[in-house]
Amino acid sequence: MIEEKARIVDVEPGFAWVETQRQSSCGQCAAKAGCGTSVIAKVVGNRMARLRALNPHSLKAGQEVVVGIAEHSFLRGALLVYLLPLLAMFVAAVFPSLIGIPSDLVSVLSGLAGLAAGLLWLRGFGKRIADDADYQAVVLRPCEQSLNFKSLQ
């Protein structure tokens, strides 16, 4: 289970809207001075992230909690979001040459169509799993320590 501290900002039946402090692991390693990711993390800063989480404990707004998501769901979702559209684009780009159409323009257009198809499939998949508990963040328990961050409101 991947866990993060958060603050409940709003409550719906069965769900809670929580805010978490975005954190970057940049600045922790020895290469931080020459790393482009570290520079981007400094520019973006530590903003607040708001998300909807299952609230099986019926906790109230203002409470500090620990939210979590299962590792396998997180990894599966990340692989689908990042890998599927690219894989669809590559397969679609190679397909014309496999059936005997050696045109670069056709391969590029076919690749773009494959990317679009992959993104459309992902959109439908996202709608199908929107209420699937396996892919939802869950309020695990109240937090023992106080959080030190400002709200988006």
C-alpha atoms as a PDB file:
ATOM      1  CA  MET A   1       0.000   0.000   0.000  1.00  0.00           C
ATOM      2  CA  ILE A   2       1.354   3.415  -0.958  1.00  0.00           C
ATOM      3  CA  GLU A   3       0.444   5.847   1.822  1.00  0.00           C
ATOM      4  CA  GLU A   4       0.386   9.642   2.085  1.00  0.00           C
ATOM      5  CA  LYS A   5      -0.762  12.085   4.746  1.00  0.00           C
ATOM      6  CA  ALA A   6      -3.663  14.333   3.769  1.00  0.00           C
ATOM      7  CA  ARG A   7      -6.352  16.644   5.119  1.00  0.00           C
ATOM      8  CA  ILE A   8     -10.049  16.103   4.415  1.00  0.00           C
ATOM      9  CA  VAL A   9     -11.495  19.267   2.842  1.00  0.00           C
ATOM     10  CA  ASP A  10     -14.970  18.053   1.865  1.00  0.00           C
ATOM     11  CA  VAL A  11     -17.137  14.994   2.439  1.00  0.00           C
ATOM     12  CA  GLU A  12     -19.663  13.223   0.183  1.00  0.00           C
ATOM     13  CA  PRO A  13     -21.594  10.053   1.011  1.00  0.00           C
ATOM     14  CA  GLY A  14     -18.942   7.319   1.040  1.00  0.00           C
ATOM     15  CA  PHE A  15     -16.177   9.618  -0.230  1.00  0.00           C
ATOM     16  CA  ALA A  16     -13.898  12.351   1.047  1.00  0.00           C
ATOM     17  CA  TRP A  17     -12.075  15.041  -0.922  1.00  0.00           C
ATOM     18  CA  VAL A  18      -8.556  15.229   0.446  1.00  0.00           C
ATOM     19  CA  GLU A  19      -5.595  17.533  -0.117  1.00  0.00           C
ATOM     20  CA  THR A  20      -2.036  16.283  -0.040  1.00  0.00           C
ATOM     21  CA  GLN A  21       1.223  18.170  -0.250  1.00  0.00           C
ATOM     22  CA  ARG A  22       2.976  17.233  -3.509  1.00  0.00           C
ATOM     23  CA  GLN A  23       6.489  16.153  -2.754  1.00  0.00           C
ATOM     24  CA  SER A  24       9.451  15.474  -4.960  1.00  0.00           C
ATOM     25  CA  SER A  25      12.328  13.233  -4.051  1.00  0.00           C
ATOM     26  CA  CYS A  26      14.554  15.655  -5.921  1.00  0.00           C
ATOM     27  CA  GLY A  27      17.123  17.344  -3.775  1.00  0.00           C
ATOM     28  CA  GLN A  28      17.805  14.097  -1.938  1.00  0.00           C
ATOM     29  CA  CYS A  29      20.488  12.645  -4.218  1.00  0.00           C
ATOM     30  CA  ALA A  30      24.079  13.644  -4.943  1.00  0.00           C
ATOM     31  CA  ALA A  31      23.327  14.639  -8.557  1.00  0.00           C
ATOM     32  CA  LYS A  32      20.755  17.306  -7.663  1.00  0.00           C
ATOM     33  CA  ALA A  33      22.954  20.210  -8.853  1.00  0.00           C
ATOM     34  CA  GLY A  34      23.146  18.927 -12.428  1.00  0.00           C
ATOM     35  CA  CYS A  35      19.782  17.231 -12.730  1.00  0.00           C
ATOM     36  CA  GLY A  36      17.055  18.664 -14.957  1.00  0.00           C
ATOM     37  CA  THR A  37      14.330  17.001 -12.930  1.00  0.00           C
ATOM     38  CA  SER A  38      15.521  18.825  -9.824  1.00  0.00           C
ATOM     39  CA  VAL A  39      15.227  22.162 -11.646  1.00  0.00           C
ATOM     40  CA  ILE A  40      11.683  21.353 -12.767  1.00  0.00           C
ATOM     41  CA  ALA A  41      10.738  20.350  -9.200  1.00  0.00           C
ATOM     42  CA  LYS A  42      11.973  23.726  -7.940  1.00  0.00           C
ATOM     43  CA  VAL A  43       9.918  25.596 -10.565  1.00  0.00           C
ATOM     44  CA  VAL A  44       6.728  23.598  -9.969  1.00  0.00           C
ATOM     45  CA  GLY A  45       7.158  23.750  -6.211  1.00  0.00           C
ATOM     46  CA  ASN A  46       5.264  21.871  -3.549  1.00  0.00           C
ATOM     47  CA  ARG A  47       1.687  22.513  -4.609  1.00  0.00           C
ATOM     48  CA  MET A  48      -1.386  20.925  -3.144  1.00  0.00           C
ATOM     49  CA  ALA A  49      -3.077  18.011  -4.888  1.00  0.00           C
ATOM     50  CA  ARG A  50      -6.793  17.385  -4.361  1.00  0.00           C
ATOM     51  CA  LEU A  51      -8.347  13.980  -4.977  1.00  0.00           C
ATOM     52  CA  ARG A  52     -11.421  11.955  -4.130  1.00  0.00           C
ATOM     53  CA  ALA A  53     -10.890   8.999  -1.808  1.00  0.00           C
ATOM     54  CA  LEU A  54     -13.138   6.299  -0.424  1.00  0.00           C
ATOM     55  CA  ASN A  55     -14.104   7.170   3.146  1.00  0.00           C
ATOM     56  CA  PRO A  56     -15.112   3.938   4.916  1.00  0.00           C
ATOM     57  CA  HIS A  57     -14.602   5.487   8.370  1.00  0.00           C
ATOM     58  CA  SER A  58     -17.035   8.403   7.851  1.00  0.00           C
ATOM     59  CA  LEU A  59     -14.424  10.939   8.931  1.00  0.00           C
ATOM     60  CA  LYS A  60     -15.295  14.635   8.818  1.00  0.00           C
ATOM     61  CA  ALA A  61     -13.879  17.648   6.967  1.00  0.00           C
ATOM     62  CA  GLY A  62     -10.830  19.177   8.605  1.00  0.00           C
ATOM     63  CA  GLN A  63      -9.475  15.893   9.931  1.00  0.00           C
ATOM     64  CA  GLU A  64      -5.938  14.861   9.085  1.00  0.00           C
ATOM     65  CA  VAL A  65      -5.759  11.321   7.710  1.00  0.00           C
ATOM     66  CA  VAL A  66      -3.564   8.794   5.958  1.00  0.00           C
ATOM     67  CA  VAL A  67      -4.739   7.875   2.440  1.00  0.00           C
ATOM     68  CA  GLY A  68      -3.438   4.958   0.434  1.00  0.00           C
ATOM     69  CA  ILE A  69      -3.676   3.081  -2.850  1.00  0.00           C
ATOM     70  CA  ALA A  70      -2.621  -0.486  -3.583  1.00  0.00           C
ATOM     71  CA  GLU A  71       0.759  -0.782  -5.325  1.00  0.00           C
ATOM     72  CA  HIS A  72      -0.516  -3.180  -7.992  1.00  0.00           C
ATOM     73  CA  SER A  73      -3.325  -0.792  -8.946  1.00  0.00           C
ATOM     74  CA  PHE A  74      -0.951   2.163  -9.064  1.00  0.00           C
ATOM     75  CA  LEU A  75       1.551   0.297 -11.246  1.00  0.00           C
ATOM     76  CA  ARG A  76      -1.126  -1.127 -13.543  1.00  0.00           C
ATOM     77  CA  GLY A  77      -2.680   2.313 -14.000  1.00  0.00           C
ATOM     78  CA  ALA A  78       0.692   3.961 -14.649  1.00  0.00           C
ATOM     79  CA  LEU A  79       1.639   1.316 -17.217  1.00  0.00           C
ATOM     80  CA  LEU A  80      -1.666   1.725 -19.027  1.00  0.00           C
ATOM     81  CA  VAL A  81      -1.497   5.516 -19.060  1.00  0.00           C
ATOM     82  CA  TYR A  82       2.090   5.747 -20.263  1.00  0.00           C
ATOM     83  CA  LEU A  83       2.665   2.575 -22.257  1.00  0.00           C
ATOM     84  CA  LEU A  84      -0.603   1.789 -24.031  1.00  0.00           C
ATOM     85  CA  PRO A  85      -0.857   4.929 -26.211  1.00  0.00           C
ATOM     86  CA  LEU A  86       2.800   4.613 -27.257  1.00  0.00           C
ATOM     87  CA  LEU A  87       2.447   0.921 -28.014  1.00  0.00           C
ATOM     88  CA  ALA A  88      -0.680   1.585 -30.086  1.00  0.00           C
ATOM     89  CA  MET A  89       1.169   4.329 -31.984  1.00  0.00           C
ATOM     90  CA  PHE A  90       4.167   2.095 -32.776  1.00  0.00           C
ATOM     91  CA  VAL A  91       2.045  -0.860 -33.872  1.00  0.00           C
ATOM     92  CA  ALA A  92      -0.116   1.362 -36.070  1.00  0.00           C
ATOM     93  CA  ALA A  93       2.960   3.070 -37.569  1.00  0.00           C
ATOM     94  CA  VAL A  94       4.571  -0.272 -38.514  1.00  0.00           C
ATOM     95  CA  PHE A  95       1.380  -1.866 -39.825  1.00  0.00           C
ATOM     96  CA  PRO A  96       1.320  -0.138 -43.268  1.00  0.00           C
ATOM     97  CA  SER A  97       4.808  -1.393 -44.130  1.00  0.00           C
ATOM     98  CA  LEU A  98       3.850  -4.920 -43.029  1.00  0.00           C
ATOM     99  CA  ILE A  99       0.963  -4.987 -45.503  1.00  0.00           C
ATOM    100  CA  GLY A 100       3.106  -3.588 -48.322  1.00  0.00           C
ATOM    101  CA  ILE A 101       2.584   0.189 -48.153  1.00  0.00           C
ATOM    102  CA  PRO A 102       6.130   1.619 -47.825  1.00  0.00           C
ATOM    103  CA  SER A 103       5.086   5.287 -47.639  1.00  0.00           C
ATOM    104  CA  ASP A 104       6.491   7.331 -44.740  1.00  0.00           C
ATOM    105  CA  LEU A 105       3.504   9.671 -44.818  1.00  0.00           C
ATOM    106  CA  VAL A 106       1.095   6.756 -44.452  1.00  0.00           C
ATOM    107  CA  SER A 107       3.151   5.387 -41.551  1.00  0.00           C
ATOM    108  CA  VAL A 108       3.130   8.762 -39.781  1.00  0.00           C
ATOM    109  CA  LEU A 109      -0.615   9.215 -40.259  1.00  0.00           C
ATOM    110  CA  SER A 110      -1.256   5.635 -39.196  1.00  0.00           C
ATOM    111  CA  GLY A 111       0.906   6.141 -36.099  1.00  0.00           C
ATOM    112  CA  LEU A 112      -1.044   9.272 -35.153  1.00  0.00           C
ATOM    113  CA  ALA A 113      -4.290   7.365 -35.643  1.00  0.00           C
ATOM    114  CA  GLY A 114      -2.956   4.579 -33.392  1.00  0.00           C
ATOM    115  CA  LEU A 115      -2.018   7.133 -30.725  1.00  0.00           C
ATOM    116  CA  ALA A 116      -5.488   8.663 -30.911  1.00  0.00           C
ATOM    117  CA  ALA A 117      -7.092   5.215 -30.688  1.00  0.00           C
ATOM    118  CA  GLY A 118      -4.987   4.364 -27.636  1.00  0.00           C
ATOM    119  CA  LEU A 119      -5.944   7.615 -25.931  1.00  0.00           C
ATOM    120  CA  LEU A 120      -9.640   7.080 -26.706  1.00  0.00           C
ATOM    121  CA  TRP A 121      -9.485   3.547 -25.307  1.00  0.00           C
ATOM    122  CA  LEU A 122      -7.824   4.924 -22.181  1.00  0.00           C
ATOM    123  CA  ARG A 123     -10.577   7.485 -21.778  1.00  0.00           C
ATOM    124  CA  GLY A 124     -13.216   4.744 -21.883  1.00  0.00           C
ATOM    125  CA  PHE A 125     -11.197   2.574 -19.513  1.00  0.00           C
ATOM    126  CA  GLY A 126     -10.946   5.499 -17.095  1.00  0.00           C
ATOM    127  CA  LYS A 127     -14.713   5.901 -17.113  1.00  0.00           C
ATOM    128  CA  ARG A 128     -15.212   2.158 -16.502  1.00  0.00           C
ATOM    129  CA  ILE A 129     -12.909   2.095 -13.477  1.00  0.00           C
ATOM    130  CA  ALA A 130     -13.941   5.461 -12.015  1.00  0.00           C
ATOM    131  CA  ASP A 131     -15.881   3.780  -9.219  1.00  0.00           C
ATOM    132  CA  ASP A 132     -13.764   0.608  -8.978  1.00  0.00           C
ATOM    133  CA  ALA A 133     -12.453   0.362  -5.412  1.00  0.00           C
ATOM    134  CA  ASP A 134      -9.206  -1.237  -6.644  1.00  0.00           C
ATOM    135  CA  TYR A 135      -8.233   1.973  -8.428  1.00  0.00           C
ATOM    136  CA  GLN A 136      -9.427   4.416  -5.765  1.00  0.00           C
ATOM    137  CA  ALA A 137      -7.449   6.093  -3.048  1.00  0.00           C
ATOM    138  CA  VAL A 138      -8.797   5.066   0.368  1.00  0.00           C
ATOM    139  CA  VAL A 139      -8.815   6.917   3.672  1.00  0.00           C
ATOM    140  CA  LEU A 140      -6.974   4.369   5.821  1.00  0.00           C
ATOM    141  CA  ARG A 141      -6.962   5.962   9.272  1.00  0.00           C
ATOM    142  CA  PRO A 142      -6.794   9.249  11.138  1.00  0.00           C
ATOM    143  CA  CYS A 143      -3.323  10.786  11.233  1.00  0.00           C
ATOM    144  CA  GLU A 144      -1.345  10.767  14.478  1.00  0.00           C
ATOM    145  CA  GLN A 145       0.693  13.908  13.718  1.00  0.00           C
ATOM    146  CA  SER A 146      -0.467  17.319  12.601  1.00  0.00           C
ATOM    147  CA  LEU A 147       0.238  18.350   9.012  1.00  0.00           C
ATOM    148  CA  ASN A 148       1.929  21.636   8.221  1.00  0.00           C
ATOM    149  CA  PHE A 149       0.608  22.886   4.905  1.00  0.00           C
ATOM    150  CA  LYS A 150      -1.835  25.521   3.706  1.00  0.00           C
ATOM    151  CA  SER A 151      -5.130  24.672   2.041  1.00  0.00           C
ATOM    152  CA  LEU A 152      -5.983  25.491  -1.581  1.00  0.00           C
ATOM    153  CA  GLN A 153      -9.028  27.392  -0.379  1.00  0.00           C
END
